């Protein structure tokens, strides 16, 4: 009996978390749209991950958004390296390209 009560309590918390995340996505929809269109325009969009002697602020600004878009299979990213830095290069997937075309028509 206690296990089922625990499950109900934990499921309620999970539902609340889901509702919070859903609200955040709705509020940030324009930012996601802008990122998709920016990547579409650039074809391959780079964001520094590590640069020798520099503090990177852009990465923290975009990291969560890019992760969500990548998990949604709208973009794909891969690490690239040079002698003094590392960056993540993003491009749209087929699904992302189709969505970008629709978003451009919407504007």
PDB file of N, CA and C in Angstrom:
ATOM      1  N   UNK A   1       0.811  -1.191   0.000  1.00  0.00           N
ATOM      2  CA  UNK A   1       0.000   0.000   0.000  1.00  0.00           C
ATOM      3  C   UNK A   1       0.859   1.261   0.000  1.00  0.00           C
ATOM      4  N   UNK A   2       1.906   1.270   0.803  1.00  0.00           N
ATOM      5  CA  UNK A   2       2.763   2.446   0.908  1.00  0.00           C
ATOM      6  C   UNK A   2       3.434   2.751  -0.428  1.00  0.00           C
ATOM      7  N   UNK A   3       3.799   1.704  -1.184  1.00  0.00           N
ATOM      8  CA  UNK A   3       4.443   1.904  -2.479  1.00  0.00           C
ATOM      9  C   UNK A   3       3.514   2.633  -3.441  1.00  0.00           C
ATOM     10  N   UNK A   4       2.257   2.269  -3.458  1.00  0.00           N
ATOM     11  CA  UNK A   4       1.318   2.922  -4.372  1.00  0.00           C
ATOM     12  C   UNK A   4       1.089   4.378  -3.954  1.00  0.00           C
ATOM     13  N   UNK A   5       1.100   4.648  -2.657  1.00  0.00           N
ATOM     14  CA  UNK A   5       0.948   6.027  -2.183  1.00  0.00           C
ATOM     15  C   UNK A   5       2.163   6.858  -2.589  1.00  0.00           C
ATOM     16  N   UNK A   6       3.344   6.278  -2.456  1.00  0.00           N
ATOM     17  CA  UNK A   6       4.568   6.949  -2.875  1.00  0.00           C
ATOM     18  C   UNK A   6       4.526   7.242  -4.370  1.00  0.00           C
ATOM     19  N   UNK A   7       4.089   6.286  -5.149  1.00  0.00           N
ATOM     20  CA  UNK A   7       3.996   6.450  -6.603  1.00  0.00           C
ATOM     21  C   UNK A   7       3.071   7.612  -6.950  1.00  0.00           C
ATOM     22  N   UNK A   8       1.927   7.711  -6.289  1.00  0.00           N
ATOM     23  CA  UNK A   8       0.966   8.783  -6.546  1.00  0.00           C
ATOM     24  C   UNK A   8       1.586  10.143  -6.227  1.00  0.00           C
ATOM     25  N   UNK A   9       2.277  10.229  -5.103  1.00  0.00           N
ATOM     26  CA  UNK A   9       2.911  11.494  -4.701  1.00  0.00           C
ATOM     27  C   UNK A   9       3.979  11.907  -5.718  1.00  0.00           C
ATOM     28  N   UNK A  10       4.808  10.958  -6.132  1.00  0.00           N
ATOM     29  CA  UNK A  10       5.871  11.255  -7.090  1.00  0.00           C
ATOM     30  C   UNK A  10       5.310  11.599  -8.472  1.00  0.00           C
ATOM     31  N   UNK A  11       4.255  10.938  -8.873  1.00  0.00           N
ATOM     32  CA  UNK A  11       3.628  11.250 -10.161  1.00  0.00           C
ATOM     33  C   UNK A  11       3.045  12.664 -10.155  1.00  0.00           C
ATOM     34  N   UNK A  12       2.517  13.094  -9.032  1.00  0.00           N
ATOM     35  CA  UNK A  12       1.969  14.444  -8.924  1.00  0.00           C
ATOM     36  C   UNK A  12       3.085  15.475  -9.118  1.00  0.00           C
ATOM     37  N   UNK A  13       4.232  15.224  -8.510  1.00  0.00           N
ATOM     38  CA  UNK A  13       5.380  16.121  -8.669  1.00  0.00           C
ATOM     39  C   UNK A  13       5.829  16.138 -10.136  1.00  0.00           C
ATOM     40  N   UNK A  14       5.883  14.982 -10.764  1.00  0.00           N
ATOM     41  CA  UNK A  14       6.281  14.892 -12.165  1.00  0.00           C
ATOM     42  C   UNK A  14       5.309  15.671 -13.057  1.00  0.00           C
ATOM     43  N   UNK A  15       4.026  15.584 -12.776  1.00  0.00           N
ATOM     44  CA  UNK A  15       3.015  16.322 -13.537  1.00  0.00           C
ATOM     45  C   UNK A  15       3.195  17.827 -13.361  1.00  0.00           C
ATOM     46  N   UNK A  16       3.494  18.260 -12.143  1.00  0.00           N
ATOM     47  CA  UNK A  16       3.736  19.681 -11.896  1.00  0.00           C
ATOM     48  C   UNK A  16       4.971  20.164 -12.648  1.00  0.00           C
ATOM     49  N   UNK A  17       6.033  19.357 -12.642  1.00  0.00           N
ATOM     50  CA  UNK A  17       7.247  19.692 -13.382  1.00  0.00           C
ATOM     51  C   UNK A  17       6.955  19.805 -14.874  1.00  0.00           C
ATOM     52  N   UNK A  18       6.162  18.878 -15.385  1.00  0.00           N
ATOM     53  CA  UNK A  18       5.794  18.891 -16.799  1.00  0.00           C
ATOM     54  C   UNK A  18       5.042  20.173 -17.149  1.00  0.00           C
ATOM     55  N   UNK A  19       4.091  20.551 -16.332  1.00  0.00           N
ATOM     56  CA  UNK A  19       3.317  21.769 -16.574  1.00  0.00           C
ATOM     57  C   UNK A  19       4.215  23.002 -16.560  1.00  0.00           C
ATOM     58  N   UNK A  20       5.173  23.039 -15.649  1.00  0.00           N
ATOM     59  CA  UNK A  20       6.116  24.157 -15.571  1.00  0.00           C
ATOM     60  C   UNK A  20       6.959  24.238 -16.839  1.00  0.00           C
ATOM     61  N   UNK A  21       7.496  23.108 -17.285  1.00  0.00           N
ATOM     62  CA  UNK A  21       8.304  23.070 -18.496  1.00  0.00           C
ATOM     63  C   UNK A  21       7.486  23.455 -19.724  1.00  0.00           C
ATOM     64  N   UNK A  22       6.264  22.996 -19.779  1.00  0.00           N
ATOM     65  CA  UNK A  22       5.380  23.313 -20.902  1.00  0.00           C
ATOM     66  C   UNK A  22       5.130  24.820 -20.970  1.00  0.00           C
ATOM     67  N   UNK A  23       4.920  25.446 -19.828  1.00  0.00           N
ATOM     68  CA  UNK A  23       4.713  26.894 -19.759  1.00  0.00           C
ATOM     69  C   UNK A  23       5.960  27.634 -20.221  1.00  0.00           C
ATOM     70  N   UNK A  24       7.138  27.174 -19.787  1.00  0.00           N
ATOM     71  CA  UNK A  24       8.401  27.806 -20.198  1.00  0.00           C
ATOM     72  C   UNK A  24       8.568  27.741 -21.711  1.00  0.00           C
ATOM     73  N   UNK A  25       8.240  26.606 -22.297  1.00  0.00           N
ATOM     74  CA  UNK A  25       8.368  26.444 -23.745  1.00  0.00           C
ATOM     75  C   UNK A  25       7.447  27.426 -24.466  1.00  0.00           C
ATOM     76  N   UNK A  26       6.233  27.554 -24.003  1.00  0.00           N
ATOM     77  CA  UNK A  26       5.295  28.492 -24.616  1.00  0.00           C
ATOM     78  C   UNK A  26       5.815  29.927 -24.526  1.00  0.00           C
ATOM     79  N   UNK A  27       6.392  30.287 -23.385  1.00  0.00           N
ATOM     80  CA  UNK A  27       6.897  31.640 -23.186  1.00  0.00           C
ATOM     81  C   UNK A  27       8.133  31.923 -24.034  1.00  0.00           C
ATOM     82  N   UNK A  28       8.926  30.901 -24.305  1.00  0.00           N
ATOM     83  CA  UNK A  28      10.178  31.069 -25.046  1.00  0.00           C
ATOM     84  C   UNK A  28      10.077  30.647 -26.508  1.00  0.00           C
ATOM     85  N   UNK A  29       8.894  30.435 -27.016  1.00  0.00           N
ATOM     86  CA  UNK A  29       8.695  29.948 -28.369  1.00  0.00           C
ATOM     87  C   UNK A  29       9.373  30.828 -29.423  1.00  0.00           C
ATOM     88  N   UNK A  30       9.304  32.130 -29.249  1.00  0.00           N
ATOM     89  CA  UNK A  30       9.913  33.045 -30.210  1.00  0.00           C
ATOM     90  C   UNK A  30      11.429  32.853 -30.252  1.00  0.00           C
ATOM     91  N   UNK A  31      12.039  32.601 -29.100  1.00  0.00           N
ATOM     92  CA  UNK A  31      13.490  32.392 -29.055  1.00  0.00           C
ATOM     93  C   UNK A  31      13.868  31.109 -29.787  1.00  0.00           C
ATOM     94  N   UNK A  32      13.086  30.047 -29.615  1.00  0.00           N
ATOM     95  CA  UNK A  32      13.356  28.790 -30.325  1.00  0.00           C
ATOM     96  C   UNK A  32      13.210  29.001 -31.836  1.00  0.00           C
ATOM     97  N   UNK A  33      12.185  29.718 -32.215  1.00  0.00           N
ATOM     98  CA  UNK A  33      11.958  30.014 -33.629  1.00  0.00           C
ATOM     99  C   UNK A  33      13.146  30.791 -34.199  1.00  0.00           C
ATOM    100  N   UNK A  34      13.616  31.795 -33.472  1.00  0.00           N
ATOM    101  CA  UNK A  34      14.756  32.593 -33.925  1.00  0.00           C
ATOM    102  C   UNK A  34      16.011  31.749 -34.096  1.00  0.00           C
ATOM    103  N   UNK A  35      16.245  30.846 -33.161  1.00  0.00           N
ATOM    104  CA  UNK A  35      17.419  29.968 -33.263  1.00  0.00           C
ATOM    105  C   UNK A  35      17.335  29.069 -34.490  1.00  0.00           C
ATOM    106  N   UNK A  36      16.177  28.480 -34.724  1.00  0.00           N
ATOM    107  CA  UNK A  36      15.998  27.610 -35.888  1.00  0.00           C
ATOM    108  C   UNK A  36      16.248  28.390 -37.174  1.00  0.00           C
ATOM    109  N   UNK A  37      15.698  29.580 -37.263  1.00  0.00           N
ATOM    110  CA  UNK A  37      15.870  30.391 -38.475  1.00  0.00           C
ATOM    111  C   UNK A  37      17.307  30.873 -38.632  1.00  0.00           C
ATOM    112  N   UNK A  38      17.970  31.179 -37.534  1.00  0.00           N
ATOM    113  CA  UNK A  38      19.372  31.599 -37.592  1.00  0.00           C
ATOM    114  C   UNK A  38      20.258  30.454 -38.078  1.00  0.00           C
ATOM    115  N   UNK A  39      20.009  29.255 -37.585  1.00  0.00           N
ATOM    116  CA  UNK A  39      20.778  28.085 -38.026  1.00  0.00           C
ATOM    117  C   UNK A  39      20.481  27.790 -39.489  1.00  0.00           C
ATOM    118  N   UNK A  40      19.219  27.935 -39.898  1.00  0.00           N
ATOM    119  CA  UNK A  40      18.848  27.717 -41.302  1.00  0.00           C
ATOM    120  C   UNK A  40      19.582  28.702 -42.203  1.00  0.00           C
ATOM    121  N   UNK A  41      19.654  29.938 -41.798  1.00  0.00           N
ATOM    122  CA  UNK A  41      20.315  30.978 -42.590  1.00  0.00           C
ATOM    123  C   UNK A  41      21.816  30.706 -42.708  1.00  0.00           C
ATOM    124  N   UNK A  42      22.433  30.297 -41.601  1.00  0.00           N
ATOM    125  CA  UNK A  42      23.879  30.075 -41.587  1.00  0.00           C
ATOM    126  C   UNK A  42      24.281  28.736 -42.213  1.00  0.00           C
ATOM    127  N   UNK A  43      23.358  27.822 -42.349  1.00  0.00           N
ATOM    128  CA  UNK A  43      23.588  26.441 -42.805  1.00  0.00           C
ATOM    129  C   UNK A  43      24.336  25.634 -41.737  1.00  0.00           C
ATOM    130  N   UNK A  44      25.472  26.134 -41.275  1.00  0.00           N
ATOM    131  CA  UNK A  44      26.224  25.518 -40.172  1.00  0.00           C
ATOM    132  C   UNK A  44      26.526  26.636 -39.187  1.00  0.00           C
ATOM    133  N   UNK A  45      25.991  26.498 -38.004  1.00  0.00           N
ATOM    134  CA  UNK A  45      26.074  27.542 -36.983  1.00  0.00           C
ATOM    135  C   UNK A  45      26.988  27.071 -35.867  1.00  0.00           C
ATOM    136  N   UNK A  46      27.997  27.867 -35.541  1.00  0.00           N
ATOM    137  CA  UNK A  46      28.989  27.483 -34.546  1.00  0.00           C
ATOM    138  C   UNK A  46      28.827  28.276 -33.263  1.00  0.00           C
ATOM    139  N   UNK A  47      29.029  27.590 -32.139  1.00  0.00           N
ATOM    140  CA  UNK A  47      29.043  28.260 -30.843  1.00  0.00           C
ATOM    141  C   UNK A  47      30.273  27.763 -30.080  1.00  0.00           C
ATOM    142  N   UNK A  48      31.102  28.699 -29.609  1.00  0.00           N
ATOM    143  CA  UNK A  48      32.308  28.292 -28.884  1.00  0.00           C
ATOM    144  C   UNK A  48      31.960  27.567 -27.585  1.00  0.00           C
ATOM    145  N   UNK A  49      32.693  26.520 -27.300  1.00  0.00           N
ATOM    146  CA  UNK A  49      32.534  25.766 -26.068  1.00  0.00           C
ATOM    147  C   UNK A  49      33.704  26.084 -25.139  1.00  0.00           C
ATOM    148  N   UNK A  50      34.880  26.198 -25.733  1.00  0.00           N
ATOM    149  CA  UNK A  50      36.085  26.512 -24.971  1.00  0.00           C
ATOM    150  C   UNK A  50      37.023  27.300 -25.867  1.00  0.00           C
ATOM    151  N   UNK A  51      37.486  28.448 -25.377  1.00  0.00           N
ATOM    152  CA  UNK A  51      38.455  29.266 -26.095  1.00  0.00           C
ATOM    153  C   UNK A  51      39.559  29.603 -25.111  1.00  0.00           C
ATOM    154  N   UNK A  52      40.778  29.300 -25.488  1.00  0.00           N
ATOM    155  CA  UNK A  52      41.918  29.528 -24.593  1.00  0.00           C
ATOM    156  C   UNK A  52      41.969  30.980 -24.134  1.00  0.00           C
ATOM    157  N   UNK A  53      41.964  31.166 -22.834  1.00  0.00           N
ATOM    158  CA  UNK A  53      42.093  32.496 -22.259  1.00  0.00           C
ATOM    159  C   UNK A  53      40.825  33.330 -22.235  1.00  0.00           C
ATOM    160  N   UNK A  54      39.695  32.746 -22.529  1.00  0.00           N
ATOM    161  CA  UNK A  54      38.444  33.509 -22.577  1.00  0.00           C
ATOM    162  C   UNK A  54      37.358  32.847 -21.748  1.00  0.00           C
ATOM    163  N   UNK A  55      36.489  33.691 -21.224  1.00  0.00           N
ATOM    164  CA  UNK A  55      35.304  33.192 -20.533  1.00  0.00           C
ATOM    165  C   UNK A  55      34.152  33.255 -21.526  1.00  0.00           C
ATOM    166  N   UNK A  56      33.411  32.172 -21.633  1.00  0.00           N
ATOM    167  CA  UNK A  56      32.343  32.099 -22.635  1.00  0.00           C
ATOM    168  C   UNK A  56      30.982  32.310 -21.995  1.00  0.00           C
ATOM    169  N   UNK A  57      30.297  33.351 -22.428  1.00  0.00           N
ATOM    170  CA  UNK A  57      28.967  33.629 -21.897  1.00  0.00           C
ATOM    171  C   UNK A  57      27.881  33.135 -22.848  1.00  0.00           C
ATOM    172  N   UNK A  58      28.164  33.122 -24.147  1.00  0.00           N
ATOM    173  CA  UNK A  58      27.167  32.695 -25.135  1.00  0.00           C
ATOM    174  C   UNK A  58      26.720  31.262 -24.914  1.00  0.00           C
ATOM    175  N   UNK A  59      27.653  30.408 -24.517  1.00  0.00           N
ATOM    176  CA  UNK A  59      27.317  28.995 -24.347  1.00  0.00           C
ATOM    177  C   UNK A  59      26.211  28.814 -23.318  1.00  0.00           C
ATOM    178  N   UNK A  60      26.344  29.463 -22.184  1.00  0.00           N
ATOM    179  CA  UNK A  60      25.326  29.336 -21.133  1.00  0.00           C
ATOM    180  C   UNK A  60      23.993  29.909 -21.607  1.00  0.00           C
ATOM    181  N   UNK A  61      24.054  30.964 -22.416  1.00  0.00           N
ATOM    182  CA  UNK A  61      22.849  31.619 -22.911  1.00  0.00           C
ATOM    183  C   UNK A  61      22.030  30.682 -23.811  1.00  0.00           C
ATOM    184  N   UNK A  62      22.717  29.885 -24.614  1.00  0.00           N
ATOM    185  CA  UNK A  62      22.038  29.050 -25.610  1.00  0.00           C
ATOM    186  C   UNK A  62      21.960  27.568 -25.263  1.00  0.00           C
ATOM    187  N   UNK A  63      22.737  27.117 -24.299  1.00  0.00           N
ATOM    188  CA  UNK A  63      22.905  25.690 -24.056  1.00  0.00           C
ATOM    189  C   UNK A  63      21.583  24.933 -23.871  1.00  0.00           C
ATOM    190  N   UNK A  64      20.715  25.404 -23.005  1.00  0.00           N
ATOM    191  CA  UNK A  64      19.458  24.701 -22.738  1.00  0.00           C
ATOM    192  C   UNK A  64      18.551  24.682 -23.970  1.00  0.00           C
ATOM    193  N   UNK A  65      18.493  25.806 -24.669  1.00  0.00           N
ATOM    194  CA  UNK A  65      17.656  25.885 -25.873  1.00  0.00           C
ATOM    195  C   UNK A  65      18.155  24.935 -26.954  1.00  0.00           C
ATOM    196  N   UNK A  66      19.471  24.921 -27.176  1.00  0.00           N
ATOM    197  CA  UNK A  66      20.038  24.044 -28.194  1.00  0.00           C
ATOM    198  C   UNK A  66      19.855  22.580 -27.834  1.00  0.00           C
ATOM    199  N   UNK A  67      19.991  22.260 -26.567  1.00  0.00           N
ATOM    200  CA  UNK A  67      19.766  20.875 -26.127  1.00  0.00           C
ATOM    201  C   UNK A  67      18.330  20.443 -26.404  1.00  0.00           C
ATOM    202  N   UNK A  68      17.372  21.322 -26.117  1.00  0.00           N
ATOM    203  CA  UNK A  68      15.967  20.988 -26.369  1.00  0.00           C
ATOM    204  C   UNK A  68      15.712  20.794 -27.866  1.00  0.00           C
ATOM    205  N   UNK A  69      16.249  21.681 -28.693  1.00  0.00           N
ATOM    206  CA  UNK A  69      16.060  21.552 -30.140  1.00  0.00           C
ATOM    207  C   UNK A  69      16.734  20.291 -30.677  1.00  0.00           C
ATOM    208  N   UNK A  70      17.874  19.946 -30.099  1.00  0.00           N
ATOM    209  CA  UNK A  70      18.559  18.729 -30.544  1.00  0.00           C
ATOM    210  C   UNK A  70      17.792  17.479 -30.106  1.00  0.00           C
ATOM    211  N   UNK A  71      17.303  17.474 -28.891  1.00  0.00           N
ATOM    212  CA  UNK A  71      16.499  16.335 -28.415  1.00  0.00           C
ATOM    213  C   UNK A  71      15.209  16.192 -29.214  1.00  0.00           C
ATOM    214  N   UNK A  72      14.730  17.302 -29.785  1.00  0.00           N
ATOM    215  CA  UNK A  72      13.511  17.288 -30.602  1.00  0.00           C
ATOM    216  C   UNK A  72      13.794  16.873 -32.041  1.00  0.00           C
ATOM    217  N   UNK A  73      15.052  16.572 -32.331  1.00  0.00           N
ATOM    218  CA  UNK A  73      15.489  16.170 -33.665  1.00  0.00           C
ATOM    219  C   UNK A  73      15.258  17.263 -34.709  1.00  0.00           C
ATOM    220  N   UNK A  74      15.371  18.523 -34.295  1.00  0.00           N
ATOM    221  CA  UNK A  74      15.259  19.639 -35.225  1.00  0.00           C
ATOM    222  C   UNK A  74      16.637  20.121 -35.675  1.00  0.00           C
ATOM    223  N   UNK A  75      17.629  19.937 -34.818  1.00  0.00           N
ATOM    224  CA  UNK A  75      19.007  20.272 -35.146  1.00  0.00           C
ATOM    225  C   UNK A  75      19.906  19.119 -34.723  1.00  0.00           C
ATOM    226  N   UNK A  76      21.098  19.101 -35.289  1.00  0.00           N
ATOM    227  CA  UNK A  76      22.102  18.146 -34.832  1.00  0.00           C
ATOM    228  C   UNK A  76      23.399  18.921 -34.644  1.00  0.00           C
ATOM    229  N   UNK A  77      24.118  18.550 -33.613  1.00  0.00           N
ATOM    230  CA  UNK A  77      25.362  19.236 -33.315  1.00  0.00           C
ATOM    231  C   UNK A  77      26.498  18.249 -33.176  1.00  0.00           C
ATOM    232  N   UNK A  78      27.692  18.754 -33.434  1.00  0.00           N
ATOM    233  CA  UNK A  78      28.864  17.930 -33.219  1.00  0.00           C
ATOM    234  C   UNK A  78      30.016  18.822 -32.792  1.00  0.00           C
ATOM    235  N   UNK A  79      30.896  18.252 -31.997  1.00  0.00           N
ATOM    236  CA  UNK A  79      32.053  18.983 -31.495  1.00  0.00           C
ATOM    237  C   UNK A  79      33.099  19.116 -32.589  1.00  0.00           C
ATOM    238  N   UNK A  80      33.728  20.283 -32.638  1.00  0.00           N
ATOM    239  CA  UNK A  80      34.833  20.558 -33.557  1.00  0.00           C
ATOM    240  C   UNK A  80      35.962  21.152 -32.717  1.00  0.00           C
ATOM    241  N   UNK A  81      37.194  20.915 -33.139  1.00  0.00           N
ATOM    242  CA  UNK A  81      38.338  21.364 -32.364  1.00  0.00           C
ATOM    243  C   UNK A  81      39.367  22.053 -33.257  1.00  0.00           C
ATOM    244  N   UNK A  82      40.033  23.057 -32.677  1.00  0.00           N
ATOM    245  CA  UNK A  82      41.203  23.667 -33.292  1.00  0.00           C
ATOM    246  C   UNK A  82      42.305  23.620 -32.235  1.00  0.00           C
ATOM    247  N   UNK A  83      43.456  24.202 -32.531  1.00  0.00           N
ATOM    248  CA  UNK A  83      44.567  24.166 -31.572  1.00  0.00           C
ATOM    249  C   UNK A  83      44.238  24.874 -30.268  1.00  0.00           C
ATOM    250  N   UNK A  84      43.455  25.929 -30.315  1.00  0.00           N
ATOM    251  CA  UNK A  84      43.237  26.755 -29.136  1.00  0.00           C
ATOM    252  C   UNK A  84      41.784  26.861 -28.681  1.00  0.00           C
ATOM    253  N   UNK A  85      40.903  26.134 -29.325  1.00  0.00           N
ATOM    254  CA  UNK A  85      39.516  26.204 -28.891  1.00  0.00           C
ATOM    255  C   UNK A  85      38.728  24.970 -29.310  1.00  0.00           C
ATOM    256  N   UNK A  86      37.535  24.918 -28.783  1.00  0.00           N
ATOM    257  CA  UNK A  86      36.581  23.872 -29.152  1.00  0.00           C
ATOM    258  C   UNK A  86      35.233  24.554 -29.355  1.00  0.00           C
ATOM    259  N   UNK A  87      34.492  24.084 -30.307  1.00  0.00           N
ATOM    260  CA  UNK A  87      33.176  24.658 -30.559  1.00  0.00           C
ATOM    261  C   UNK A  87      32.217  23.558 -30.967  1.00  0.00           C
ATOM    262  N   UNK A  88      30.962  23.870 -30.866  1.00  0.00           N
ATOM    263  CA  UNK A  88      29.917  22.933 -31.269  1.00  0.00           C
ATOM    264  C   UNK A  88      29.280  23.504 -32.521  1.00  0.00           C
ATOM    265  N   UNK A  89      29.204  22.699 -33.543  1.00  0.00           N
ATOM    266  CA  UNK A  89      28.637  23.128 -34.812  1.00  0.00           C
ATOM    267  C   UNK A  89      27.256  22.503 -34.971  1.00  0.00           C
ATOM    268  N   UNK A  90      26.272  23.342 -35.263  1.00  0.00           N
ATOM    269  CA  UNK A  90      24.891  22.889 -35.400  1.00  0.00           C
ATOM    270  C   UNK A  90      24.412  23.090 -36.827  1.00  0.00           C
ATOM    271  N   UNK A  91      23.570  22.178 -37.263  1.00  0.00           N
ATOM    272  CA  UNK A  91      22.856  22.337 -38.524  1.00  0.00           C
ATOM    273  C   UNK A  91      21.477  21.707 -38.373  1.00  0.00           C
ATOM    274  N   UNK A  92      20.571  22.123 -39.226  1.00  0.00           N
ATOM    275  CA  UNK A  92      19.214  21.602 -39.146  1.00  0.00           C
ATOM    276  C   UNK A  92      19.145  20.180 -39.685  1.00  0.00           C
ATOM    277  N   UNK A  93      18.296  19.393 -39.084  1.00  0.00           N
ATOM    278  CA  UNK A  93      17.994  18.063 -39.608  1.00  0.00           C
ATOM    279  C   UNK A  93      16.968  18.239 -40.733  1.00  0.00           C
ATOM    280  N   UNK A  94      16.608  17.164 -41.380  1.00  0.00           N
ATOM    281  CA  UNK A  94      15.567  17.229 -42.410  1.00  0.00           C
ATOM    282  C   UNK A  94      14.267  17.775 -41.810  1.00  0.00           C
ATOM    283  N   UNK A  95      13.925  17.267 -40.642  1.00  0.00           N
ATOM    284  CA  UNK A  95      12.723  17.737 -39.932  1.00  0.00           C
ATOM    285  C   UNK A  95      12.842  19.222 -39.609  1.00  0.00           C
ATOM    286  N   UNK A  96      14.035  19.661 -39.190  1.00  0.00           N
ATOM    287  CA  UNK A  96      14.274  21.066 -38.877  1.00  0.00           C
ATOM    288  C   UNK A  96      14.180  21.958 -40.106  1.00  0.00           C
ATOM    289  N   UNK A  97      14.702  21.473 -41.232  1.00  0.00           N
ATOM    290  CA  UNK A  97      14.611  22.237 -42.484  1.00  0.00           C
ATOM    291  C   UNK A  97      13.162  22.449 -42.907  1.00  0.00           C
ATOM    292  N   UNK A  98      12.376  21.389 -42.808  1.00  0.00           N
ATOM    293  CA  UNK A  98      10.956  21.496 -43.175  1.00  0.00           C
ATOM    294  C   UNK A  98      10.238  22.501 -42.269  1.00  0.00           C
ATOM    295  N   UNK A  99      10.537  22.441 -40.992  1.00  0.00           N
ATOM    296  CA  UNK A  99       9.924  23.371 -40.048  1.00  0.00           C
ATOM    297  C   UNK A  99      10.373  24.802 -40.315  1.00  0.00           C
ATOM    298  N   UNK A 100      11.649  24.996 -40.621  1.00  0.00           N
ATOM    299  CA  UNK A 100      12.177  26.340 -40.902  1.00  0.00           C
ATOM    300  C   UNK A 100      11.452  26.955 -42.099  1.00  0.00           C
ATOM    301  N   UNK A 101      11.202  26.151 -43.130  1.00  0.00           N
ATOM    302  CA  UNK A 101      10.481  26.649 -44.310  1.00  0.00           C
ATOM    303  C   UNK A 101       9.082  27.114 -43.918  1.00  0.00           C
ATOM    304  N   UNK A 102       8.415  26.343 -43.077  1.00  0.00           N
ATOM    305  CA  UNK A 102       7.069  26.720 -42.631  1.00  0.00           C
ATOM    306  C   UNK A 102       7.119  27.988 -41.773  1.00  0.00           C
ATOM    307  N   UNK A 103       8.137  28.102 -40.926  1.00  0.00           N
ATOM    308  CA  UNK A 103       8.267  29.286 -40.068  1.00  0.00           C
ATOM    309  C   UNK A 103       8.526  30.537 -40.899  1.00  0.00           C
ATOM    310  N   UNK A 104       9.293  30.403 -41.977  1.00  0.00           N
ATOM    311  CA  UNK A 104       9.564  31.549 -42.850  1.00  0.00           C
ATOM    312  C   UNK A 104       8.280  32.022 -43.552  1.00  0.00           C
ATOM    313  N   UNK A 105       7.451  31.091 -43.947  1.00  0.00           N
ATOM    314  CA  UNK A 105       6.180  31.446 -44.595  1.00  0.00           C
ATOM    315  C   UNK A 105       5.236  32.136 -43.628  1.00  0.00           C
ATOM    316  N   UNK A 106       5.352  31.750 -42.353  1.00  0.00           N
ATOM    317  CA  UNK A 106       4.494  32.297 -41.299  1.00  0.00           C
ATOM    318  C   UNK A 106       4.811  33.770 -41.029  1.00  0.00           C
ATOM    319  N   UNK A 107       6.070  34.150 -41.233  1.00  0.00           N
ATOM    320  CA  UNK A 107       6.513  35.510 -40.869  1.00  0.00           C
ATOM    321  C   UNK A 107       5.989  36.571 -41.804  1.00  0.00           C
TER     322      UNK A 107
END
